[in-house]
């Protein structure tokens, strides 16, 4: 059962990635970075939440790079940059709308992280190949 990969499992990975990305930074005043910059002192609560966010980032980024590699991450980033370019070219958004561009970049970043967390499952389903992490003796 644990190896069943579905659209719902990808969606769940994306929701967690989106929460991680958007709670770390977003253009509104409701993010960890905005909170830290507005505080006058560094408190234990700021440190604890920062460590929780950092742990989440390490888990997601490491899994993304282990499953997709540098080339996969670069290609995914290039694809999403072209999507932003397409939206600007079609007139759906402008480069002056920095808030909209920021939100779109945050969502696309979370999609790259969710894809990285899911890529081994997708590759297995498409090719039958499985990934094995290097084990040190």
C-alpha atoms as a PDB file:
ATOM      1  CA  UNK A   1       0.000   0.000   0.000  1.00  0.00           C
ATOM      2  CA  UNK A   2       2.813   2.436   0.822  1.00  0.00           C
ATOM      3  CA  UNK A   3       4.095   2.272  -2.763  1.00  0.00           C
ATOM      4  CA  UNK A   4       0.801   3.347  -4.341  1.00  0.00           C
ATOM      5  CA  UNK A   5       1.367   6.713  -5.947  1.00  0.00           C
ATOM      6  CA  UNK A   6      -1.733   8.689  -6.914  1.00  0.00           C
ATOM      7  CA  UNK A   7      -2.687  12.203  -7.858  1.00  0.00           C
ATOM      8  CA  UNK A   8      -3.845  12.635  -4.249  1.00  0.00           C
ATOM      9  CA  UNK A   9      -0.401  11.715  -2.921  1.00  0.00           C
ATOM     10  CA  UNK A  10       1.210  14.243  -5.283  1.00  0.00           C
ATOM     11  CA  UNK A  11      -1.338  16.858  -4.213  1.00  0.00           C
ATOM     12  CA  UNK A  12      -0.530  16.207  -0.548  1.00  0.00           C
ATOM     13  CA  UNK A  13       3.205  16.608  -1.237  1.00  0.00           C
ATOM     14  CA  UNK A  14       2.443  19.852  -3.093  1.00  0.00           C
ATOM     15  CA  UNK A  15       0.287  21.200  -0.243  1.00  0.00           C
ATOM     16  CA  UNK A  16       3.112  20.607   2.244  1.00  0.00           C
ATOM     17  CA  UNK A  17       5.630  22.190  -0.150  1.00  0.00           C
ATOM     18  CA  UNK A  18       3.348  25.201  -0.679  1.00  0.00           C
ATOM     19  CA  UNK A  19       2.904  25.656   3.075  1.00  0.00           C
ATOM     20  CA  UNK A  20       6.683  25.448   3.517  1.00  0.00           C
ATOM     21  CA  UNK A  21       7.466  27.932   0.745  1.00  0.00           C
ATOM     22  CA  UNK A  22       4.693  30.422   1.482  1.00  0.00           C
ATOM     23  CA  UNK A  23       5.160  30.355   5.256  1.00  0.00           C
ATOM     24  CA  UNK A  24       8.868  31.047   4.785  1.00  0.00           C
ATOM     25  CA  UNK A  25       8.350  34.057   2.516  1.00  0.00           C
ATOM     26  CA  UNK A  26       5.527  35.702   0.614  1.00  0.00           C
ATOM     27  CA  UNK A  27       4.772  39.270  -0.477  1.00  0.00           C
ATOM     28  CA  UNK A  28       2.278  39.794   2.340  1.00  0.00           C
ATOM     29  CA  UNK A  29       3.291  40.558   5.908  1.00  0.00           C
ATOM     30  CA  UNK A  30       2.371  37.028   7.006  1.00  0.00           C
ATOM     31  CA  UNK A  31       5.575  35.013   6.629  1.00  0.00           C
ATOM     32  CA  UNK A  32       8.476  33.894   8.774  1.00  0.00           C
ATOM     33  CA  UNK A  33      10.908  36.301   7.113  1.00  0.00           C
ATOM     34  CA  UNK A  34       8.550  39.272   7.552  1.00  0.00           C
ATOM     35  CA  UNK A  35       8.045  38.307  11.185  1.00  0.00           C
ATOM     36  CA  UNK A  36      11.783  38.000  11.891  1.00  0.00           C
ATOM     37  CA  UNK A  37      12.527  41.330  10.199  1.00  0.00           C
ATOM     38  CA  UNK A  38       9.809  43.109  12.176  1.00  0.00           C
ATOM     39  CA  UNK A  39      10.950  41.821  15.598  1.00  0.00           C
ATOM     40  CA  UNK A  40      13.417  43.781  17.681  1.00  0.00           C
ATOM     41  CA  UNK A  41      14.921  40.723  19.364  1.00  0.00           C
ATOM     42  CA  UNK A  42      15.603  37.113  18.481  1.00  0.00           C
ATOM     43  CA  UNK A  43      13.365  34.961  20.672  1.00  0.00           C
ATOM     44  CA  UNK A  44      13.274  31.205  21.339  1.00  0.00           C
ATOM     45  CA  UNK A  45      10.000  30.942  19.402  1.00  0.00           C
ATOM     46  CA  UNK A  46      11.603  32.535  16.333  1.00  0.00           C
ATOM     47  CA  UNK A  47      14.519  30.092  16.636  1.00  0.00           C
ATOM     48  CA  UNK A  48      12.269  27.033  17.027  1.00  0.00           C
ATOM     49  CA  UNK A  49      10.054  27.922  14.081  1.00  0.00           C
ATOM     50  CA  UNK A  50      13.116  28.777  12.002  1.00  0.00           C
ATOM     51  CA  UNK A  51      14.611  25.378  12.744  1.00  0.00           C
ATOM     52  CA  UNK A  52      11.337  23.659  11.839  1.00  0.00           C
ATOM     53  CA  UNK A  53      11.228  25.531   8.523  1.00  0.00           C
ATOM     54  CA  UNK A  54      14.907  24.819   7.873  1.00  0.00           C
ATOM     55  CA  UNK A  55      14.319  21.116   8.512  1.00  0.00           C
ATOM     56  CA  UNK A  56      11.432  21.114   6.042  1.00  0.00           C
ATOM     57  CA  UNK A  57      13.550  22.894   3.435  1.00  0.00           C
ATOM     58  CA  UNK A  58      16.399  20.412   3.890  1.00  0.00           C
ATOM     59  CA  UNK A  59      14.058  17.439   3.520  1.00  0.00           C
ATOM     60  CA  UNK A  60      12.372  18.813   0.392  1.00  0.00           C
ATOM     61  CA  UNK A  61      15.485  20.203  -1.315  1.00  0.00           C
ATOM     62  CA  UNK A  62      17.564  17.091  -0.629  1.00  0.00           C
ATOM     63  CA  UNK A  63      14.831  14.770  -1.910  1.00  0.00           C
ATOM     64  CA  UNK A  64      14.366  16.973  -4.984  1.00  0.00           C
ATOM     65  CA  UNK A  65      18.055  16.978  -5.874  1.00  0.00           C
ATOM     66  CA  UNK A  66      18.456  13.252  -5.096  1.00  0.00           C
ATOM     67  CA  UNK A  67      15.551  12.267  -7.348  1.00  0.00           C
ATOM     68  CA  UNK A  68      15.803  14.837 -10.154  1.00  0.00           C
ATOM     69  CA  UNK A  69      19.453  15.872  -9.994  1.00  0.00           C
ATOM     70  CA  UNK A  70      20.820  19.262 -10.969  1.00  0.00           C
ATOM     71  CA  UNK A  71      19.749  18.836 -14.575  1.00  0.00           C
ATOM     72  CA  UNK A  72      16.163  18.004 -13.621  1.00  0.00           C
ATOM     73  CA  UNK A  73      15.918  20.961 -11.257  1.00  0.00           C
ATOM     74  CA  UNK A  74      17.391  23.301 -13.881  1.00  0.00           C
ATOM     75  CA  UNK A  75      15.029  21.980 -16.566  1.00  0.00           C
ATOM     76  CA  UNK A  76      12.031  22.282 -14.233  1.00  0.00           C
ATOM     77  CA  UNK A  77      13.031  25.823 -13.306  1.00  0.00           C
ATOM     78  CA  UNK A  78      13.513  26.719 -16.985  1.00  0.00           C
ATOM     79  CA  UNK A  79      10.081  25.278 -17.810  1.00  0.00           C
ATOM     80  CA  UNK A  80       8.433  27.334 -15.089  1.00  0.00           C
ATOM     81  CA  UNK A  81      10.359  30.463 -16.107  1.00  0.00           C
ATOM     82  CA  UNK A  82       9.011  29.956 -19.636  1.00  0.00           C
ATOM     83  CA  UNK A  83       5.496  29.635 -18.210  1.00  0.00           C
ATOM     84  CA  UNK A  84       5.922  33.040 -16.543  1.00  0.00           C
ATOM     85  CA  UNK A  85       7.304  34.393 -19.826  1.00  0.00           C
ATOM     86  CA  UNK A  86       4.243  32.986 -21.655  1.00  0.00           C
ATOM     87  CA  UNK A  87       1.867  34.648 -19.183  1.00  0.00           C
ATOM     88  CA  UNK A  88       3.641  37.979 -19.707  1.00  0.00           C
ATOM     89  CA  UNK A  89       3.708  37.492 -23.492  1.00  0.00           C
ATOM     90  CA  UNK A  90      -0.023  36.703 -23.591  1.00  0.00           C
ATOM     91  CA  UNK A  91      -0.710  39.799 -21.516  1.00  0.00           C
ATOM     92  CA  UNK A  92      -2.133  37.830 -18.582  1.00  0.00           C
ATOM     93  CA  UNK A  93       0.348  39.556 -16.272  1.00  0.00           C
ATOM     94  CA  UNK A  94       2.944  42.288 -16.499  1.00  0.00           C
ATOM     95  CA  UNK A  95       6.481  42.521 -15.201  1.00  0.00           C
ATOM     96  CA  UNK A  96       5.367  45.552 -13.170  1.00  0.00           C
ATOM     97  CA  UNK A  97       2.996  43.395 -11.121  1.00  0.00           C
ATOM     98  CA  UNK A  98       5.699  42.244  -8.723  1.00  0.00           C
ATOM     99  CA  UNK A  99       3.217  40.858  -6.204  1.00  0.00           C
ATOM    100  CA  UNK A 100       1.587  38.572  -8.777  1.00  0.00           C
ATOM    101  CA  UNK A 101       4.996  37.520 -10.111  1.00  0.00           C
ATOM    102  CA  UNK A 102       6.161  36.726  -6.579  1.00  0.00           C
ATOM    103  CA  UNK A 103       3.100  34.620  -5.811  1.00  0.00           C
ATOM    104  CA  UNK A 104       3.436  32.763  -9.122  1.00  0.00           C
ATOM    105  CA  UNK A 105       7.149  32.135  -8.476  1.00  0.00           C
ATOM    106  CA  UNK A 106       6.336  30.810  -4.987  1.00  0.00           C
ATOM    107  CA  UNK A 107       3.677  28.446  -6.344  1.00  0.00           C
ATOM    108  CA  UNK A 108       6.006  27.247  -9.105  1.00  0.00           C
ATOM    109  CA  UNK A 109       8.808  26.727  -6.565  1.00  0.00           C
ATOM    110  CA  UNK A 110       6.488  24.596  -4.474  1.00  0.00           C
ATOM    111  CA  UNK A 111       5.569  22.594  -7.587  1.00  0.00           C
ATOM    112  CA  UNK A 112       9.263  21.925  -8.291  1.00  0.00           C
ATOM    113  CA  UNK A 113       9.727  20.716  -4.704  1.00  0.00           C
ATOM    114  CA  UNK A 114       6.610  18.529  -4.854  1.00  0.00           C
ATOM    115  CA  UNK A 115       7.721  17.096  -8.186  1.00  0.00           C
ATOM    116  CA  UNK A 116      11.112  16.332  -6.678  1.00  0.00           C
ATOM    117  CA  UNK A 117       9.479  14.558  -3.743  1.00  0.00           C
ATOM    118  CA  UNK A 118       7.357  12.548  -6.200  1.00  0.00           C
ATOM    119  CA  UNK A 119       9.803  12.018  -9.067  1.00  0.00           C
ATOM    120  CA  UNK A 120      11.028   8.574  -8.002  1.00  0.00           C
ATOM    121  CA  UNK A 121       7.430   7.326  -8.002  1.00  0.00           C
ATOM    122  CA  UNK A 122       6.741   8.887 -11.404  1.00  0.00           C
ATOM    123  CA  UNK A 123       9.940   7.439 -12.898  1.00  0.00           C
ATOM    124  CA  UNK A 124       9.118   3.999 -11.508  1.00  0.00           C
ATOM    125  CA  UNK A 125       5.649   4.127 -13.005  1.00  0.00           C
ATOM    126  CA  UNK A 126       6.888   5.357 -16.407  1.00  0.00           C
ATOM    127  CA  UNK A 127      10.001   3.210 -16.809  1.00  0.00           C
ATOM    128  CA  UNK A 128       9.851   0.447 -14.228  1.00  0.00           C
ATOM    129  CA  UNK A 129      13.183   1.658 -12.816  1.00  0.00           C
ATOM    130  CA  UNK A 130      13.594   2.262  -9.123  1.00  0.00           C
ATOM    131  CA  UNK A 131      15.979   4.573  -7.279  1.00  0.00           C
ATOM    132  CA  UNK A 132      18.318   3.283  -4.638  1.00  0.00           C
ATOM    133  CA  UNK A 133      20.141   5.674  -2.300  1.00  0.00           C
ATOM    134  CA  UNK A 134      23.855   5.125  -1.857  1.00  0.00           C
ATOM    135  CA  UNK A 135      24.547   3.242   1.339  1.00  0.00           C
ATOM    136  CA  UNK A 136      27.853   3.813   3.084  1.00  0.00           C
ATOM    137  CA  UNK A 137      29.488   0.861   4.826  1.00  0.00           C
END
